[in-house]
C-alpha atoms as a PDB file:
ATOM      1  CA  MET A   1     -11.785  -8.791 -32.139  1.00  0.00           C
ATOM      2  CA  ALA A   2     -12.112  -6.568 -29.275  1.00  0.00           C
ATOM      3  CA  ARG A   3     -10.494  -3.281 -29.589  1.00  0.00           C
ATOM      4  CA  VAL A   4      -8.024  -2.398 -26.515  1.00  0.00           C
ATOM      5  CA  VAL A   5      -7.165   1.100 -25.929  1.00  0.00           C
ATOM      6  CA  PHE A   6      -4.547   2.477 -23.431  1.00  0.00           C
ATOM      7  CA  ALA A   7      -4.775   6.297 -22.204  1.00  0.00           C
ATOM      8  CA  PRO A   8      -2.026   8.437 -23.382  1.00  0.00           C
ATOM      9  CA  ASN A   9      -0.772   8.976 -19.950  1.00  0.00           C
ATOM     10  CA  LEU A  10       0.498   5.285 -19.785  1.00  0.00           C
ATOM     11  CA  GLU A  11       2.857   5.943 -22.658  1.00  0.00           C
ATOM     12  CA  ARG A  12       5.266   8.049 -20.360  1.00  0.00           C
ATOM     13  CA  HIS A  13       6.305   4.464 -18.659  1.00  0.00           C
ATOM     14  CA  VAL A  14       5.936   2.071 -21.475  1.00  0.00           C
ATOM     15  CA  SER A  15       4.569   1.366 -25.245  1.00  0.00           C
ATOM     16  CA  ALA A  16       0.757   1.059 -25.293  1.00  0.00           C
ATOM     17  CA  PRO A  17      -0.461   1.195 -28.759  1.00  0.00           C
ATOM     18  CA  PRO A  18      -4.112   0.061 -29.290  1.00  0.00           C
ATOM     19  CA  ALA A  19      -4.624  -3.611 -29.930  1.00  0.00           C
ATOM     20  CA  GLU A  20      -7.157  -6.029 -31.478  1.00  0.00           C
ATOM     21  CA  VAL A  21      -7.473  -9.145 -29.565  1.00  0.00           C
ATOM     22  CA  GLY A  22      -9.797 -11.909 -28.969  1.00  0.00           C
ATOM     23  CA  GLY A  23     -11.190 -13.049 -25.651  1.00  0.00           C
ATOM     24  CA  SER A  24     -14.280 -13.548 -23.995  1.00  0.00           C
ATOM     25  CA  SER A  25     -13.494 -11.856 -20.665  1.00  0.00           C
ATOM     26  CA  VAL A  26     -11.503  -8.762 -19.635  1.00  0.00           C
ATOM     27  CA  ARG A  27      -8.715 -10.968 -18.155  1.00  0.00           C
ATOM     28  CA  GLU A  28      -8.527 -12.910 -21.480  1.00  0.00           C
ATOM     29  CA  VAL A  29      -8.101  -9.712 -23.683  1.00  0.00           C
ATOM     30  CA  LEU A  30      -5.615  -8.231 -21.066  1.00  0.00           C
ATOM     31  CA  ASP A  31      -3.777 -11.414 -21.020  1.00  0.00           C
ATOM     32  CA  ARG A  32      -3.445 -11.447 -24.999  1.00  0.00           C
ATOM     33  CA  VAL A  33      -2.243  -7.853 -24.934  1.00  0.00           C
ATOM     34  CA  PHE A  34       0.321  -8.401 -22.206  1.00  0.00           C
ATOM     35  CA  HIS A  35       1.649 -11.341 -24.268  1.00  0.00           C
ATOM     36  CA  ASP A  36       2.697  -9.134 -27.195  1.00  0.00           C
ATOM     37  CA  ASN A  37       3.787  -6.512 -24.686  1.00  0.00           C
ATOM     38  CA  PRO A  38       4.912  -8.110 -21.310  1.00  0.00           C
ATOM     39  CA  LEU A  39       6.445  -4.441 -20.076  1.00  0.00           C
ATOM     40  CA  LEU A  40       2.769  -3.019 -19.777  1.00  0.00           C
ATOM     41  CA  ARG A  41       1.417  -5.886 -17.545  1.00  0.00           C
ATOM     42  CA  GLY A  42       3.094  -4.458 -14.303  1.00  0.00           C
ATOM     43  CA  HIS A  43       1.746  -0.683 -15.104  1.00  0.00           C
ATOM     44  CA  VAL A  44      -2.059  -2.239 -15.204  1.00  0.00           C
ATOM     45  CA  VAL A  45      -2.118  -5.336 -12.875  1.00  0.00           C
ATOM     46  CA  ASP A  46      -0.110  -6.471  -9.723  1.00  0.00           C
ATOM     47  CA  ASP A  47       1.507  -9.275  -9.004  1.00  0.00           C
ATOM     48  CA  GLN A  48      -1.746 -11.250  -8.064  1.00  0.00           C
ATOM     49  CA  GLY A  49      -3.142 -10.319 -11.480  1.00  0.00           C
ATOM     50  CA  ARG A  50      -5.715  -7.642 -10.056  1.00  0.00           C
ATOM     51  CA  LEU A  51      -6.171  -4.192 -11.403  1.00  0.00           C
ATOM     52  CA  ARG A  52      -3.926  -1.797  -9.480  1.00  0.00           C
ATOM     53  CA  LYS A  53      -5.512   0.498  -7.352  1.00  0.00           C
ATOM     54  CA  GLN A  54      -4.891   3.586  -9.759  1.00  0.00           C
ATOM     55  CA  VAL A  55      -6.238   1.874 -13.054  1.00  0.00           C
ATOM     56  CA  VAL A  56      -9.522   1.843 -14.359  1.00  0.00           C
ATOM     57  CA  VAL A  57     -10.996  -0.313 -17.213  1.00  0.00           C
ATOM     58  CA  PHE A  58     -14.064   0.635 -18.967  1.00  0.00           C
ATOM     59  CA  VAL A  59     -15.957  -1.664 -21.697  1.00  0.00           C
ATOM     60  CA  ASN A  60     -17.887   0.390 -24.169  1.00  0.00           C
ATOM     61  CA  GLY A  61     -17.855   3.442 -21.790  1.00  0.00           C
ATOM     62  CA  GLN A  62     -18.974   1.408 -19.020  1.00  0.00           C
ATOM     63  CA  MET A  63     -16.586   0.708 -15.721  1.00  0.00           C
ATOM     64  CA  ILE A  64     -16.106  -3.190 -15.055  1.00  0.00           C
ATOM     65  CA  ASP A  65     -17.377  -4.630 -12.005  1.00  0.00           C
ATOM     66  CA  ASP A  66     -14.841  -7.513 -11.316  1.00  0.00           C
ATOM     67  CA  ARG A  67     -11.493  -5.592 -10.617  1.00  0.00           C
ATOM     68  CA  VAL A  68      -9.970  -8.668  -8.883  1.00  0.00           C
ATOM     69  CA  ALA A  69     -10.656 -11.493 -11.434  1.00  0.00           C
ATOM     70  CA  LEU A  70     -11.467  -9.480 -14.385  1.00  0.00           C
ATOM     71  CA  THR A  71     -14.440 -11.746 -15.294  1.00  0.00           C
ATOM     72  CA  ASP A  72     -16.572  -9.211 -17.041  1.00  0.00           C
ATOM     73  CA  ASP A  73     -17.771 -10.531 -20.651  1.00  0.00           C
ATOM     74  CA  ILE A  74     -16.183  -9.230 -23.740  1.00  0.00           C
ATOM     75  CA  VAL A  75     -17.797  -9.511 -27.072  1.00  0.00           C
ATOM     76  CA  GLU A  76     -15.739  -9.220 -30.297  1.00  0.00           C
ATOM     77  CA  THR A  77     -17.214  -5.558 -30.917  1.00  0.00           C
ATOM     78  CA  ASP A  78     -16.392  -4.259 -27.659  1.00  0.00           C
ATOM     79  CA  GLU A  79     -13.723  -1.432 -27.045  1.00  0.00           C
ATOM     80  CA  VAL A  80     -12.004  -1.748 -23.981  1.00  0.00           C
ATOM     81  CA  PHE A  81     -10.435   1.422 -22.387  1.00  0.00           C
ATOM     82  CA  VAL A  82      -7.861   1.235 -19.792  1.00  0.00           C
ATOM     83  CA  MET A  83      -6.748   4.278 -17.951  1.00  0.00           C
ATOM     84  CA  GLN A  84      -4.663   5.279 -14.397  1.00  0.00           C
ATOM     85  CA  ALA A  85      -6.527   7.723 -12.263  1.00  0.00           C
ATOM     86  CA  GLN A  86      -4.724  10.901 -11.956  1.00  0.00           C
ATOM     87  CA  SER A  87      -4.441  12.651  -8.461  1.00  0.00           C
ATOM     88  CA  GLY A  88      -3.265  15.703  -7.021  1.00  0.00           C
ATOM     89  CA  GLY A  89      -4.179  19.526  -7.027  1.00  0.00           C
END
């Protein structure tokens, strides 16, 4: 199962503990996390299921290519890291 880890700054808004879930794409893995933690969904994806503009996802340290359909492949040994971009000065 892939390990999904959320940046600590999401914890300010909603519980986002690491999770071990199955799936063959970023979409499948995130959907399984959201099934168990539905409040987290709105902080990561919009109502169309696309990544929010301020959210980035990395698989094994590489930023994913598909921010819309989230079709990047996942294997069970992958680590998926979800974080919100920070801005300001």
